[in-house]
Amino acid sequence: MGLLDQFEQRLDSLLAGALTAAFDEEVQPVEIVAAVTREMDEHLQELENGRLIAPNHFIVDLAKHDYDRMRDYLKTLEPEFADTARAHANLQHYTLIGPVVVTLMKDNELEAGVFRVSFEQLPAVTSSGSPAATIHNITINGVSHPLTKPVNRIGRSVDADIVINDPAISRLHAEITIGSNVILRDLVSTNGTWLNGERISEIQLTGPTNFKLGTIEVSYQ
């Protein structure tokens, strides 16, 4: 059984049969994961020692109609896309710098059924193969938290990367994705993610930014 067949079978099992009902038209999850692996194949970086470095962070832009259909399944879909892309890299003997991350985003200018996959530029690679790092962090209640992962989830749950023990915060409230762009995304939280008094679903952070998770003040640097 090929990787894409395994992906479809596993996803249908995880979603308890909801796959067919939710994705019976237009963009199919298997089309997205196939496009991600294709993007990986087409943007390899070869080092002097012959190693092939593959991109490890992919952005999938979806039309509003398709994004809205998939939104309730993002917590399942994104890790499954990433797992399949990582398995593809292993089969092809690619080298990955860090975890594979696939992020779905909404593009209001795309027509239903049309999607676009791009990759985030890898950090500069030195002759030893080590990436140069840029440190991002957020400050909550005076405590600084470094954003050390490609995807940093914030919430009350012990499963969150940054745990905030406050009843105003959902178990998994929001996430910050680090790549060539930094994206703040609300994870369908109860009390919302707020910027300049407006509730947001996702936004690009282009510099130092203050925002709220529920009623909790957060400062991004």
Protein backbone atom coordinates (compact mmCIF):
# COMPACT_ATOMS: atom_id res chain seq x y z
CA MET A 1 0.00 0.00 0.00
CA GLY A 2 1.44 3.40 -1.01
CA LEU A 3 1.86 6.37 1.31
CA LEU A 4 -1.19 8.17 -0.05
CA ASP A 5 -3.40 5.09 0.34
CA GLN A 6 -2.16 4.67 3.91
CA PHE A 7 -2.86 8.36 4.55
CA GLU A 8 -6.47 8.08 3.34
CA GLN A 9 -7.09 4.90 5.32
CA ARG A 10 -5.61 6.34 8.52
CA LEU A 11 -7.45 9.64 8.18
CA ASP A 12 -10.80 7.94 7.60
CA SER A 13 -10.22 5.86 10.72
CA LEU A 14 -9.24 8.90 12.82
CA LEU A 15 -12.28 10.88 11.71
CA ALA A 16 -14.61 7.93 12.30
CA GLY A 17 -16.03 7.99 8.77
CA ALA A 18 -16.52 11.75 8.69
CA LEU A 19 -13.95 11.98 5.90
CA THR A 20 -16.37 11.01 3.14
CA ALA A 21 -19.13 13.32 4.36
CA ALA A 22 -16.90 16.34 4.93
CA PHE A 23 -14.73 16.09 1.84
CA ASP A 24 -17.03 14.69 -0.82
CA GLU A 25 -16.40 17.58 -3.20
CA GLU A 26 -13.75 19.98 -4.38
CA VAL A 27 -10.45 19.82 -2.45
CA GLN A 28 -9.61 16.39 -1.04
CA PRO A 29 -7.05 15.91 1.78
CA VAL A 30 -5.12 13.39 -0.33
CA GLU A 31 -4.70 16.06 -3.03
CA ILE A 32 -3.20 18.41 -0.47
CA VAL A 33 -0.71 15.90 0.92
CA ALA A 34 0.31 14.90 -2.63
CA ALA A 35 0.95 18.57 -3.44
CA VAL A 36 2.99 18.99 -0.25
CA THR A 37 5.27 16.05 -1.07
CA ARG A 38 5.62 17.37 -4.62
CA GLU A 39 6.65 20.77 -3.25
CA MET A 40 9.21 19.02 -1.06
CA ASP A 41 10.68 17.15 -4.04
CA GLU A 42 10.95 20.31 -6.12
CA HIS A 43 12.74 22.48 -3.56
CA LEU A 44 15.67 20.47 -2.26
CA GLN A 45 18.93 22.05 -1.17
CA GLU A 46 22.08 20.03 -1.87
CA LEU A 47 25.06 20.39 0.47
CA GLU A 48 28.69 19.84 -0.51
CA ASN A 49 28.65 16.41 1.11
CA GLY A 50 25.79 15.35 -1.18
CA ARG A 51 23.07 15.48 1.47
CA LEU A 52 19.69 16.68 0.23
CA ILE A 53 18.01 19.08 2.66
CA ALA A 54 14.24 19.14 2.22
CA PRO A 55 11.91 21.98 3.24
CA ASN A 56 10.13 21.18 6.46
CA HIS A 57 7.44 23.87 6.74
CA PHE A 58 4.64 24.08 4.20
CA ILE A 59 1.80 26.59 3.88
CA VAL A 60 -1.42 25.45 2.20
CA ASP A 61 -3.63 28.36 1.13
CA LEU A 62 -7.28 27.35 0.74
CA ALA A 63 -10.32 29.19 -0.56
CA LYS A 64 -12.67 30.36 2.21
CA HIS A 65 -15.23 27.68 1.29
CA ASP A 66 -12.69 24.86 1.54
CA TYR A 67 -10.97 26.23 4.65
CA ASP A 68 -14.30 26.54 6.45
CA ARG A 69 -15.12 22.90 5.59
CA MET A 70 -11.80 21.72 7.02
CA ARG A 71 -11.50 24.03 10.01
CA ASP A 72 -13.10 21.64 12.50
CA TYR A 73 -10.61 18.95 11.45
CA LEU A 74 -7.39 21.03 11.52
CA LYS A 75 -6.05 19.42 14.70
CA THR A 76 -6.25 16.04 12.94
CA LEU A 77 -5.41 17.06 9.38
CA GLU A 78 -2.28 19.14 9.93
CA PRO A 79 -0.37 16.50 11.95
CA GLU A 80 -1.43 13.79 9.48
CA PHE A 81 -0.23 15.87 6.52
CA ALA A 82 3.07 16.41 8.34
CA ASP A 83 3.48 12.72 9.24
CA THR A 84 2.95 11.66 5.62
CA ALA A 85 5.38 14.30 4.33
CA ARG A 86 7.98 13.16 6.87
CA ALA A 87 7.50 9.53 5.82
CA HIS A 88 7.98 10.59 2.19
CA ALA A 89 11.23 12.37 3.12
CA ASN A 90 12.48 9.25 4.91
CA LEU A 91 11.69 7.05 1.90
CA GLN A 92 13.59 9.43 -0.38
CA HIS A 93 16.52 9.69 2.09
CA TYR A 94 16.12 13.44 2.43
CA THR A 95 17.55 15.25 5.45
CA LEU A 96 15.11 17.34 7.49
CA ILE A 97 16.19 20.20 9.72
CA GLY A 98 13.60 20.10 12.46
CA PRO A 99 10.05 18.70 12.50
CA VAL A 100 7.82 18.78 9.42
CA VAL A 101 4.95 21.25 9.81
CA VAL A 102 2.00 21.75 7.47
CA THR A 103 -0.15 24.81 8.13
CA LEU A 104 -3.55 25.39 6.49
CA MET A 105 -4.51 29.02 5.92
CA LYS A 106 -7.46 30.85 4.41
CA ASP A 107 -7.08 32.97 1.26
CA ASN A 108 -10.26 34.88 0.46
CA GLU A 109 -9.06 35.55 -3.09
CA LEU A 110 -8.93 31.88 -4.12
CA GLU A 111 -11.92 30.25 -5.78
CA ALA A 112 -13.50 27.15 -4.22
CA GLY A 113 -11.66 24.02 -5.28
CA VAL A 114 -8.38 25.85 -5.87
CA PHE A 115 -5.51 25.67 -3.39
CA ARG A 116 -1.87 26.71 -3.35
CA VAL A 117 1.09 25.09 -1.57
CA SER A 118 4.27 26.99 -0.76
CA PHE A 119 7.20 26.25 1.49
CA GLU A 120 8.89 28.42 4.06
CA GLN A 121 12.53 29.14 3.23
CA LEU A 122 14.80 27.10 5.45
CA PRO A 123 17.14 28.96 7.81
CA ALA A 124 20.61 29.61 6.39
CA VAL A 125 22.70 26.44 6.52
CA THR A 126 26.35 26.65 7.49
CA SER A 127 29.09 24.48 6.01
CA SER A 128 28.68 22.12 8.96
CA GLY A 129 24.99 21.72 8.13
CA SER A 130 23.81 23.65 11.20
CA PRO A 131 20.99 26.17 10.72
CA ALA A 132 21.30 29.74 11.92
CA ALA A 133 18.55 30.47 14.43
CA THR A 134 16.42 33.52 15.18
CA ILE A 135 14.94 33.57 18.67
CA HIS A 136 11.28 34.56 19.08
CA ASN A 137 9.51 34.75 22.42
CA ILE A 138 6.30 35.83 24.12
CA THR A 139 5.90 37.38 27.55
CA ILE A 140 2.90 36.48 29.73
CA ASN A 141 2.46 37.89 33.25
CA GLY A 142 6.08 39.04 33.22
CA VAL A 143 7.44 35.59 32.28
CA SER A 144 9.28 35.17 28.97
CA HIS A 145 8.61 32.00 26.97
CA PRO A 146 10.91 31.21 24.00
CA LEU A 147 9.14 29.94 20.88
CA THR A 148 11.43 27.02 20.13
CA LYS A 149 9.23 24.90 17.86
CA PRO A 150 7.87 25.41 14.34
CA VAL A 151 4.39 25.32 15.92
CA ASN A 152 4.01 26.54 19.51
CA ARG A 153 0.60 25.80 21.06
CA ILE A 154 -0.60 27.88 24.00
CA GLY A 155 -3.32 26.83 26.44
CA ARG A 156 -4.39 25.40 29.81
CA SER A 157 -3.75 21.78 28.82
CA VAL A 158 -0.56 19.99 29.82
CA ASP A 159 -0.36 19.08 26.12
CA ALA A 160 0.26 22.74 25.26
CA ASP A 161 3.84 23.88 24.61
CA ILE A 162 3.24 26.97 26.74
CA VAL A 163 0.85 26.30 29.63
CA ILE A 164 -1.24 29.15 31.09
CA ASN A 165 -3.18 28.08 34.15
CA ASP A 166 -6.07 30.53 33.90
CA PRO A 167 -9.80 29.80 33.47
CA ALA A 168 -10.04 32.44 30.72
CA ILE A 169 -7.75 30.31 28.57
CA SER A 170 -9.01 27.30 26.58
CA ARG A 171 -7.23 23.97 26.85
CA LEU A 172 -5.59 24.63 23.48
CA HIS A 173 -6.27 28.32 22.92
CA ALA A 174 -3.92 29.52 20.17
CA GLU A 175 -0.73 28.69 18.33
CA ILE A 176 2.19 30.62 16.91
CA THR A 177 3.84 29.16 13.82
CA ILE A 178 7.46 30.13 13.20
CA GLY A 179 8.84 30.19 9.67
CA SER A 180 9.92 32.96 7.31
CA ASN A 181 6.59 34.41 8.46
CA VAL A 182 5.28 34.27 12.03
CA ILE A 183 1.58 33.40 12.21
CA LEU A 184 -0.69 33.72 15.26
CA ARG A 185 -3.79 31.51 14.96
CA ASP A 186 -6.73 31.10 17.29
CA LEU A 187 -7.65 27.43 17.85
CA VAL A 188 -11.42 28.01 18.03
CA SER A 189 -11.05 29.13 21.65
CA THR A 190 -14.00 30.01 23.87
CA ASN A 191 -12.88 33.53 24.81
CA GLY A 192 -11.05 34.35 21.61
CA THR A 193 -7.74 35.85 20.53
CA TRP A 194 -7.78 39.64 20.32
CA LEU A 195 -5.64 42.26 18.58
CA ASN A 196 -6.37 45.98 18.90
CA GLY A 197 -9.81 45.18 20.30
CA GLU A 198 -10.80 42.92 17.40
CA ARG A 199 -11.26 39.17 17.60
CA ILE A 200 -9.00 37.44 15.07
CA SER A 201 -8.78 33.92 13.66
CA GLU A 202 -5.23 34.26 12.34
CA ILE A 203 -2.80 37.05 11.61
CA GLN A 204 0.81 37.52 10.59
CA LEU A 205 3.06 38.99 13.30
CA THR A 206 5.50 41.32 11.55
CA GLY A 207 7.17 42.82 14.61
CA PRO A 208 6.73 43.34 18.36
CA THR A 209 3.00 42.90 18.99
CA ASN A 210 0.68 42.98 22.00
CA PHE A 211 -2.42 40.81 21.87
CA LYS A 212 -4.84 39.08 24.24
CA LEU A 213 -5.74 35.45 24.76
CA GLY A 214 -9.15 35.85 26.36
CA THR A 215 -8.33 38.48 29.00
CA ILE A 216 -4.63 37.57 29.29
CA GLU A 217 -2.16 40.12 27.92
CA VAL A 218 0.59 38.65 25.73
CA SER A 219 3.59 40.46 24.28
CA TYR A 220 5.37 38.99 21.24
CA GLN A 221 8.96 39.93 20.44
